[in-house]
Amino acid sequence: MYKIGDMAVYPTQGVGIIEAIEAKEFSGEKHEFYILRIVDSDMTIMIPVDNALQVGMRNLIDKDRVAAIYDILEEKQENGNAIASWSRRQREYNEKIRSGDLFEVAEVLRELYLIKEGKDLSYGEKKVLDLARKLLVKEVALAEGAEEEQVVKRVERIFN
């Protein structure tokens, strides 16, 4: 259960702040909704309180788990996914991003950076890379109490 002022992560959109909890009536039934304002875009999302878990809404990653995110980024593994077609990888990457799991977002980011080392990314690959980087940087910065620029520099150092 979240309360007003809490931060929460919504898959594919990123970190938001619970601005209100409102009751709305639909078909004669009352339902409560979290009103989540996404920090980056100022977009507002209404999430049914009863469905928050099912849609993947979650708390910000704990500060003590941030190191594990950097560990995933630093894993230099063979790039087997570069062989798969972009459409197959895109579907896999989008599923991982939609999961809302920051560890899976980190895997997508790492794989795309590794592919980028060997070839220029397509427009679609660049869009997925940008989304994964934005989601990861914002959440890690807020979890660590750091500036986003510091997180960006650390991520760039890992891959350069």
C-alpha atoms as a PDB file:
ATOM      1  CA  MET A   1       0.000   0.000   0.000  1.00  0.00           C
ATOM      2  CA  TYR A   2       1.393   3.359  -1.029  1.00  0.00           C
ATOM      3  CA  LYS A   3       0.610   6.707   0.500  1.00  0.00           C
ATOM      4  CA  ILE A   4       0.622  10.204  -0.914  1.00  0.00           C
ATOM      5  CA  GLY A   5       4.179  11.420  -1.472  1.00  0.00           C
ATOM      6  CA  ASP A   6       5.647   7.921  -1.935  1.00  0.00           C
ATOM      7  CA  MET A   7       7.789   7.196  -4.957  1.00  0.00           C
ATOM      8  CA  ALA A   8       6.898   4.210  -7.102  1.00  0.00           C
ATOM      9  CA  VAL A   9       8.115   2.772 -10.388  1.00  0.00           C
ATOM     10  CA  TYR A  10       5.706   2.102 -13.240  1.00  0.00           C
ATOM     11  CA  PRO A  11       6.999  -0.212 -16.010  1.00  0.00           C
ATOM     12  CA  THR A  12       8.095   1.522 -19.244  1.00  0.00           C
ATOM     13  CA  GLN A  13       7.348   4.948 -17.734  1.00  0.00           C
ATOM     14  CA  GLY A  14       9.787   5.091 -14.833  1.00  0.00           C
ATOM     15  CA  VAL A  15       9.719   6.706 -11.417  1.00  0.00           C
ATOM     16  CA  GLY A  16       6.673   8.601 -10.264  1.00  0.00           C
ATOM     17  CA  ILE A  17       5.266  10.199  -7.159  1.00  0.00           C
ATOM     18  CA  ILE A  18       1.895   9.231  -5.687  1.00  0.00           C
ATOM     19  CA  GLU A  19       0.082  12.554  -5.759  1.00  0.00           C
ATOM     20  CA  ALA A  20      -3.313  11.331  -4.619  1.00  0.00           C
ATOM     21  CA  ILE A  21      -5.429   8.313  -3.854  1.00  0.00           C
ATOM     22  CA  GLU A  22      -8.887   8.855  -5.292  1.00  0.00           C
ATOM     23  CA  ALA A  23     -12.099   6.878  -5.173  1.00  0.00           C
ATOM     24  CA  LYS A  24     -14.016   6.669  -8.446  1.00  0.00           C
ATOM     25  CA  GLU A  25     -17.315   4.981  -9.155  1.00  0.00           C
ATOM     26  CA  PHE A  26     -17.732   2.697 -12.170  1.00  0.00           C
ATOM     27  CA  SER A  27     -20.898   0.696 -12.836  1.00  0.00           C
ATOM     28  CA  GLY A  28     -22.103   1.367  -9.318  1.00  0.00           C
ATOM     29  CA  GLU A  29     -18.890   0.089  -7.731  1.00  0.00           C
ATOM     30  CA  LYS A  30     -16.339   2.254  -5.967  1.00  0.00           C
ATOM     31  CA  HIS A  31     -12.674   1.698  -6.747  1.00  0.00           C
ATOM     32  CA  GLU A  32      -9.602   3.414  -5.363  1.00  0.00           C
ATOM     33  CA  PHE A  33      -6.864   4.651  -7.681  1.00  0.00           C
ATOM     34  CA  TYR A  34      -3.316   5.812  -7.176  1.00  0.00           C
ATOM     35  CA  ILE A  35      -2.643   9.009  -9.080  1.00  0.00           C
ATOM     36  CA  LEU A  36       0.999   8.645 -10.119  1.00  0.00           C
ATOM     37  CA  ARG A  37       2.832  11.589 -11.691  1.00  0.00           C
ATOM     38  CA  ILE A  38       5.855  10.396 -13.666  1.00  0.00           C
ATOM     39  CA  VAL A  39       8.888  12.471 -12.671  1.00  0.00           C
ATOM     40  CA  ASP A  40      10.505  12.683 -16.130  1.00  0.00           C
ATOM     41  CA  SER A  41       7.473  13.458 -18.252  1.00  0.00           C
ATOM     42  CA  ASP A  42       4.903  14.979 -15.871  1.00  0.00           C
ATOM     43  CA  MET A  43       2.479  12.395 -17.253  1.00  0.00           C
ATOM     44  CA  THR A  44      -0.197  11.268 -14.818  1.00  0.00           C
ATOM     45  CA  ILE A  45      -1.316   7.643 -14.607  1.00  0.00           C
ATOM     46  CA  MET A  46      -4.312   6.286 -12.687  1.00  0.00           C
ATOM     47  CA  ILE A  47      -3.600   2.833 -11.307  1.00  0.00           C
ATOM     48  CA  PRO A  48      -6.307   0.813  -9.558  1.00  0.00           C
ATOM     49  CA  VAL A  49      -5.076   0.184  -6.009  1.00  0.00           C
ATOM     50  CA  ASP A  50      -6.213  -3.450  -6.265  1.00  0.00           C
ATOM     51  CA  ASN A  51      -4.219  -3.961  -9.500  1.00  0.00           C
ATOM     52  CA  ALA A  52      -1.011  -2.104  -8.653  1.00  0.00           C
ATOM     53  CA  LEU A  53       0.976  -5.316  -8.236  1.00  0.00           C
ATOM     54  CA  GLN A  54      -0.454  -6.959 -11.362  1.00  0.00           C
ATOM     55  CA  VAL A  55       0.510  -3.993 -13.582  1.00  0.00           C
ATOM     56  CA  GLY A  56       4.039  -4.120 -12.202  1.00  0.00           C
ATOM     57  CA  MET A  57       4.047  -1.018 -10.036  1.00  0.00           C
ATOM     58  CA  ARG A  58       6.747  -1.359  -7.396  1.00  0.00           C
ATOM     59  CA  ASN A  59       8.890   0.509  -4.897  1.00  0.00           C
ATOM     60  CA  LEU A  60      12.139   2.171  -5.899  1.00  0.00           C
ATOM     61  CA  ILE A  61      15.107  -0.195  -5.787  1.00  0.00           C
ATOM     62  CA  ASP A  62      16.866  -0.208  -2.400  1.00  0.00           C
ATOM     63  CA  LYS A  63      20.143   1.686  -2.238  1.00  0.00           C
ATOM     64  CA  ASP A  64      21.943  -1.486  -1.141  1.00  0.00           C
ATOM     65  CA  ARG A  65      20.876  -3.261  -4.366  1.00  0.00           C
ATOM     66  CA  VAL A  66      22.308  -0.585  -6.688  1.00  0.00           C
ATOM     67  CA  ALA A  67      25.739  -2.255  -6.714  1.00  0.00           C
ATOM     68  CA  ALA A  68      24.112  -5.353  -8.226  1.00  0.00           C
ATOM     69  CA  ILE A  69      22.786  -3.206 -11.091  1.00  0.00           C
ATOM     70  CA  TYR A  70      26.319  -2.009 -11.852  1.00  0.00           C
ATOM     71  CA  ASP A  71      27.526  -5.634 -11.620  1.00  0.00           C
ATOM     72  CA  ILE A  72      25.062  -6.611 -14.363  1.00  0.00           C
ATOM     73  CA  LEU A  73      26.269  -3.740 -16.540  1.00  0.00           C
ATOM     74  CA  GLU A  74      29.907  -4.744 -16.018  1.00  0.00           C
ATOM     75  CA  GLU A  75      29.359  -8.416 -16.948  1.00  0.00           C
ATOM     76  CA  LYS A  76      31.234  -8.879 -20.186  1.00  0.00           C
ATOM     77  CA  GLN A  77      29.558 -11.831 -21.758  1.00  0.00           C
ATOM     78  CA  GLU A  78      29.678 -13.191 -25.227  1.00  0.00           C
ATOM     79  CA  ASN A  79      27.206 -11.372 -27.347  1.00  0.00           C
ATOM     80  CA  GLY A  80      25.101 -14.311 -28.497  1.00  0.00           C
ATOM     81  CA  ASN A  81      22.049 -12.119 -28.867  1.00  0.00           C
ATOM     82  CA  ALA A  82      23.675 -10.053 -31.609  1.00  0.00           C
ATOM     83  CA  ILE A  83      23.108 -13.018 -33.923  1.00  0.00           C
ATOM     84  CA  ALA A  84      19.367 -13.143 -33.333  1.00  0.00           C
ATOM     85  CA  SER A  85      17.250 -10.991 -35.628  1.00  0.00           C
ATOM     86  CA  TRP A  86      16.462  -7.480 -34.452  1.00  0.00           C
ATOM     87  CA  SER A  87      12.726  -8.242 -34.379  1.00  0.00           C
ATOM     88  CA  ARG A  88      13.299 -11.181 -32.011  1.00  0.00           C
ATOM     89  CA  ARG A  89      15.670  -9.163 -29.813  1.00  0.00           C
ATOM     90  CA  GLN A  90      13.309  -6.183 -29.838  1.00  0.00           C
ATOM     91  CA  ARG A  91      10.432  -8.361 -28.631  1.00  0.00           C
ATOM     92  CA  GLU A  92      12.661  -9.807 -25.879  1.00  0.00           C
ATOM     93  CA  TYR A  93      13.969  -6.369 -24.867  1.00  0.00           C
ATOM     94  CA  ASN A  94      10.493  -4.849 -24.768  1.00  0.00           C
ATOM     95  CA  GLU A  95       9.259  -7.713 -22.585  1.00  0.00           C
ATOM     96  CA  LYS A  96      12.125  -7.119 -20.169  1.00  0.00           C
ATOM     97  CA  ILE A  97      11.445  -3.373 -20.062  1.00  0.00           C
ATOM     98  CA  ARG A  98       7.697  -3.946 -19.602  1.00  0.00           C
ATOM     99  CA  SER A  99       8.450  -6.280 -16.685  1.00  0.00           C
ATOM    100  CA  GLY A 100       9.476  -3.209 -14.697  1.00  0.00           C
ATOM    101  CA  ASP A 101      12.375  -5.182 -13.200  1.00  0.00           C
ATOM    102  CA  LEU A 102      15.402  -2.871 -13.090  1.00  0.00           C
ATOM    103  CA  PHE A 103      17.766  -5.856 -13.280  1.00  0.00           C
ATOM    104  CA  GLU A 104      16.197  -6.864 -16.606  1.00  0.00           C
ATOM    105  CA  VAL A 105      16.373  -3.262 -17.844  1.00  0.00           C
ATOM    106  CA  ALA A 106      20.088  -3.319 -16.963  1.00  0.00           C
ATOM    107  CA  GLU A 107      20.512  -6.499 -19.048  1.00  0.00           C
ATOM    108  CA  VAL A 108      18.881  -4.807 -22.051  1.00  0.00           C
ATOM    109  CA  LEU A 109      21.109  -1.769 -21.633  1.00  0.00           C
ATOM    110  CA  ARG A 110      24.236  -3.911 -21.375  1.00  0.00           C
ATOM    111  CA  GLU A 111      23.373  -6.005 -24.424  1.00  0.00           C
ATOM    112  CA  LEU A 112      22.658  -2.970 -26.579  1.00  0.00           C
ATOM    113  CA  TYR A 113      25.889  -1.280 -25.500  1.00  0.00           C
ATOM    114  CA  LEU A 114      27.793  -4.476 -26.373  1.00  0.00           C
ATOM    115  CA  ILE A 115      26.109  -4.662 -29.787  1.00  0.00           C
ATOM    116  CA  LYS A 116      26.922  -0.974 -30.303  1.00  0.00           C
ATOM    117  CA  GLU A 117      30.637  -1.798 -29.878  1.00  0.00           C
ATOM    118  CA  GLY A 118      30.487  -3.999 -32.987  1.00  0.00           C
ATOM    119  CA  LYS A 119      28.127  -2.068 -35.243  1.00  0.00           C
ATOM    120  CA  ASP A 120      26.003   1.038 -35.569  1.00  0.00           C
ATOM    121  CA  LEU A 121      22.622   0.587 -33.930  1.00  0.00           C
ATOM    122  CA  SER A 122      19.451   0.858 -35.988  1.00  0.00           C
ATOM    123  CA  TYR A 123      16.881   3.534 -35.180  1.00  0.00           C
ATOM    124  CA  GLY A 124      14.789   0.980 -33.253  1.00  0.00           C
ATOM    125  CA  GLU A 125      17.793  -0.262 -31.284  1.00  0.00           C
ATOM    126  CA  LYS A 126      18.758   3.314 -30.391  1.00  0.00           C
ATOM    127  CA  LYS A 127      15.220   4.014 -29.137  1.00  0.00           C
ATOM    128  CA  VAL A 128      15.263   0.927 -26.887  1.00  0.00           C
ATOM    129  CA  LEU A 129      18.776   1.802 -25.654  1.00  0.00           C
ATOM    130  CA  ASP A 130      17.676   5.371 -24.833  1.00  0.00           C
ATOM    131  CA  LEU A 131      14.573   4.157 -22.971  1.00  0.00           C
ATOM    132  CA  ALA A 132      16.525   1.559 -20.971  1.00  0.00           C
ATOM    133  CA  ARG A 133      19.219   4.119 -20.102  1.00  0.00           C
ATOM    134  CA  LYS A 134      16.638   6.735 -19.065  1.00  0.00           C
ATOM    135  CA  LEU A 135      14.744   4.273 -16.837  1.00  0.00           C
ATOM    136  CA  LEU A 136      17.919   2.934 -15.222  1.00  0.00           C
ATOM    137  CA  VAL A 137      19.649   6.291 -14.699  1.00  0.00           C
ATOM    138  CA  LYS A 138      16.620   7.975 -13.108  1.00  0.00           C
ATOM    139  CA  GLU A 139      15.901   5.156 -10.671  1.00  0.00           C
ATOM    140  CA  VAL A 140      19.532   4.524  -9.693  1.00  0.00           C
ATOM    141  CA  ALA A 141      20.105   8.264  -9.149  1.00  0.00           C
ATOM    142  CA  LEU A 142      17.043   8.539  -6.904  1.00  0.00           C
ATOM    143  CA  ALA A 143      17.920   5.330  -5.022  1.00  0.00           C
ATOM    144  CA  GLU A 144      21.493   6.482  -4.399  1.00  0.00           C
ATOM    145  CA  GLY A 145      20.604  10.112  -3.750  1.00  0.00           C
ATOM    146  CA  ALA A 146      22.996  11.004  -6.585  1.00  0.00           C
ATOM    147  CA  GLU A 147      22.800  13.391  -9.516  1.00  0.00           C
ATOM    148  CA  GLU A 148      21.664  11.760 -12.755  1.00  0.00           C
ATOM    149  CA  GLU A 149      24.794  13.114 -14.450  1.00  0.00           C
ATOM    150  CA  GLN A 150      26.972  11.093 -12.030  1.00  0.00           C
ATOM    151  CA  VAL A 151      25.081   7.909 -12.890  1.00  0.00           C
ATOM    152  CA  VAL A 152      25.326   8.639 -16.639  1.00  0.00           C
ATOM    153  CA  LYS A 153      29.088   9.132 -16.337  1.00  0.00           C
ATOM    154  CA  ARG A 154      29.503   5.896 -14.388  1.00  0.00           C
ATOM    155  CA  VAL A 155      27.447   3.954 -16.962  1.00  0.00           C
ATOM    156  CA  GLU A 156      29.427   5.502 -19.833  1.00  0.00           C
ATOM    157  CA  ARG A 157      32.720   4.613 -18.096  1.00  0.00           C
ATOM    158  CA  ILE A 158      31.643   0.971 -17.876  1.00  0.00           C
ATOM    159  CA  PHE A 159      31.165   0.777 -21.640  1.00  0.00           C
ATOM    160  CA  ASN A 160      33.991   3.038 -22.861  1.00  0.00           C
END
